[in-house]
Every structure is written in structure tokens, then in C-alpha cells.
Amino acid sequence: MPTLEPMSRFFESRLDGYDEHMLTTIEGAPAFYSMTAAQLPLSHQTRLLDLGC
């Protein structure tokens, strides 16, 4: 039985290319990124919690 890669290593090993991958391989990703960013308040005290998937 193959050994599973730990989740922390899985994400860390993909950090550098994640955005480029998403923007170039997922249809509509550039528009989605822009639309999502436009929803954030323009305040220096804004806090964002990324819950992932």
C-alpha cells in the first residue's frame, strides 16, 4: 500500500505554482479572482480567514 503524502507537505510543495496553475488551467479563474477580490473591504484593519475548500 502506498504511503500518503502528509497534507501539510502536499500544500507546501505546491505554494509557488498554485496561482499560476489556477489562472492558466481553470476556465474563468481570472474573472473569479477579480470578482472575489472586489468583495473585500478596503480597510487596513480588514482580517480574512481562509477556510480552504
N, C-alpha and C. Protein backbone atom coordinates (compact mmCIF):
# COMPACT_ATOMS: atom_id res chain seq x y z
N MET A 1 0.85 -1.18 0.00
CA MET A 1 0.00 0.00 0.00
C MET A 1 0.89 1.24 0.00
N PRO A 2 0.64 2.19 -0.92
CA PRO A 2 1.48 3.39 -0.98
C PRO A 2 1.28 4.27 0.25
N THR A 3 2.34 4.97 0.62
CA THR A 3 2.29 5.91 1.74
C THR A 3 1.72 7.23 1.25
N LEU A 4 0.76 7.77 1.97
CA LEU A 4 0.16 9.05 1.60
C LEU A 4 1.06 10.20 2.02
N GLU A 5 1.11 11.20 1.18
CA GLU A 5 1.86 12.41 1.50
C GLU A 5 1.12 13.19 2.58
N PRO A 6 1.80 13.63 3.64
CA PRO A 6 1.12 14.45 4.66
C PRO A 6 0.52 15.70 4.03
N MET A 7 -0.65 16.10 4.48
CA MET A 7 -1.35 17.25 3.91
C MET A 7 -0.52 18.52 3.97
N SER A 8 0.18 18.75 5.06
CA SER A 8 0.98 19.97 5.16
C SER A 8 2.05 20.00 4.07
N ARG A 9 2.68 18.88 3.80
CA ARG A 9 3.70 18.81 2.75
C ARG A 9 3.05 18.96 1.37
N PHE A 10 1.88 18.39 1.19
CA PHE A 10 1.16 18.50 -0.07
C PHE A 10 0.97 19.96 -0.45
N PHE A 11 0.46 20.76 0.48
CA PHE A 11 0.20 22.17 0.19
C PHE A 11 1.48 22.98 0.09
N GLU A 12 2.43 22.74 0.97
CA GLU A 12 3.68 23.49 0.94
C GLU A 12 4.43 23.26 -0.36
N SER A 13 4.40 22.05 -0.89
CA SER A 13 5.13 21.76 -2.12
C SER A 13 4.49 22.40 -3.35
N ARG A 14 3.28 22.88 -3.24
CA ARG A 14 2.56 23.46 -4.37
C ARG A 14 2.37 24.97 -4.27
N LEU A 15 2.88 25.58 -3.21
CA LEU A 15 2.68 27.02 -2.99
C LEU A 15 3.17 27.88 -4.15
N ASP A 16 4.39 27.63 -4.62
CA ASP A 16 5.00 28.51 -5.62
C ASP A 16 4.25 28.54 -6.95
N GLY A 17 3.63 27.46 -7.36
CA GLY A 17 2.98 27.43 -8.65
C GLY A 17 1.47 27.44 -8.62
N TYR A 18 0.88 27.56 -7.43
CA TYR A 18 -0.57 27.42 -7.30
C TYR A 18 -1.34 28.47 -8.10
N ASP A 19 -1.03 29.75 -7.87
CA ASP A 19 -1.79 30.80 -8.55
C ASP A 19 -1.64 30.71 -10.06
N GLU A 20 -0.41 30.50 -10.54
CA GLU A 20 -0.21 30.39 -11.98
C GLU A 20 -1.00 29.21 -12.55
N HIS A 21 -0.97 28.09 -11.86
CA HIS A 21 -1.73 26.92 -12.30
C HIS A 21 -3.22 27.24 -12.39
N MET A 22 -3.76 27.83 -11.34
CA MET A 22 -5.19 28.14 -11.31
C MET A 22 -5.56 29.11 -12.42
N LEU A 23 -4.75 30.15 -12.60
CA LEU A 23 -5.07 31.19 -13.58
C LEU A 23 -4.92 30.72 -15.02
N THR A 24 -4.10 29.71 -15.26
CA THR A 24 -3.87 29.28 -16.64
C THR A 24 -4.59 27.99 -17.00
N THR A 25 -5.11 27.26 -16.03
CA THR A 25 -5.75 25.99 -16.37
C THR A 25 -7.24 25.92 -16.01
N ILE A 26 -7.71 26.81 -15.17
CA ILE A 26 -9.11 26.79 -14.77
C ILE A 26 -9.87 27.88 -15.53
N GLU A 27 -10.80 27.47 -16.34
CA GLU A 27 -11.58 28.44 -17.13
C GLU A 27 -12.33 29.39 -16.19
N GLY A 28 -12.21 30.67 -16.44
CA GLY A 28 -12.91 31.67 -15.64
C GLY A 28 -12.19 32.09 -14.37
N ALA A 29 -11.04 31.49 -14.07
CA ALA A 29 -10.33 31.81 -12.83
C ALA A 29 -9.92 33.29 -12.74
N PRO A 30 -9.39 33.89 -13.80
CA PRO A 30 -9.02 35.31 -13.67
C PRO A 30 -10.22 36.19 -13.29
N ALA A 31 -11.36 35.96 -13.90
CA ALA A 31 -12.55 36.75 -13.57
C ALA A 31 -13.01 36.45 -12.15
N PHE A 32 -12.93 35.19 -11.74
CA PHE A 32 -13.34 34.83 -10.38
C PHE A 32 -12.42 35.47 -9.35
N TYR A 33 -11.11 35.46 -9.60
CA TYR A 33 -10.16 36.10 -8.68
C TYR A 33 -10.49 37.58 -8.53
N SER A 34 -10.73 38.25 -9.66
CA SER A 34 -11.03 39.69 -9.63
C SER A 34 -12.33 39.97 -8.89
N MET A 35 -13.35 39.18 -9.18
CA MET A 35 -14.65 39.37 -8.53
C MET A 35 -14.55 39.13 -7.03
N THR A 36 -13.81 38.10 -6.64
CA THR A 36 -13.64 37.79 -5.22
C THR A 36 -12.90 38.92 -4.51
N ALA A 37 -11.82 39.40 -5.11
CA ALA A 37 -11.04 40.47 -4.50
C ALA A 37 -11.86 41.75 -4.37
N ALA A 38 -12.75 42.00 -5.31
CA ALA A 38 -13.58 43.21 -5.27
C ALA A 38 -14.56 43.19 -4.09
N GLN A 39 -14.81 42.03 -3.52
CA GLN A 39 -15.75 41.92 -2.39
C GLN A 39 -15.10 42.29 -1.06
N LEU A 40 -13.78 42.35 -1.02
CA LEU A 40 -13.08 42.66 0.23
C LEU A 40 -13.16 44.14 0.55
N PRO A 41 -13.40 44.48 1.80
CA PRO A 41 -13.42 45.90 2.19
C PRO A 41 -12.03 46.52 2.03
N LEU A 42 -12.01 47.79 1.68
CA LEU A 42 -10.74 48.50 1.50
C LEU A 42 -10.34 49.16 2.81
N SER A 43 -9.90 48.36 3.75
CA SER A 43 -9.50 48.87 5.06
C SER A 43 -8.20 48.18 5.48
N HIS A 44 -7.34 48.93 6.11
CA HIS A 44 -6.08 48.34 6.57
C HIS A 44 -6.31 47.40 7.75
N GLN A 45 -7.48 47.45 8.36
CA GLN A 45 -7.76 46.59 9.51
C GLN A 45 -8.60 45.38 9.13
N THR A 46 -8.78 45.16 7.86
CA THR A 46 -9.55 44.01 7.41
C THR A 46 -8.79 42.73 7.73
N ARG A 47 -9.53 41.74 8.24
CA ARG A 47 -8.94 40.43 8.53
C ARG A 47 -9.69 39.40 7.67
N LEU A 48 -8.96 38.46 7.15
CA LEU A 48 -9.52 37.46 6.27
C LEU A 48 -9.18 36.06 6.80
N LEU A 49 -10.18 35.24 6.94
CA LEU A 49 -9.98 33.85 7.35
C LEU A 49 -10.22 32.97 6.15
N ASP A 50 -9.19 32.27 5.70
CA ASP A 50 -9.27 31.36 4.56
C ASP A 50 -9.56 29.97 5.11
N LEU A 51 -10.76 29.48 4.86
CA LEU A 51 -11.15 28.16 5.35
C LEU A 51 -10.85 27.06 4.34
N GLY A 52 -10.24 27.42 3.23
CA GLY A 52 -9.91 26.43 2.21
C GLY A 52 -11.16 25.92 1.52
N CYS A 53 -11.09 24.69 1.06
CA CYS A 53 -12.23 24.10 0.36
C CYS A 53 -13.35 23.89 1.33
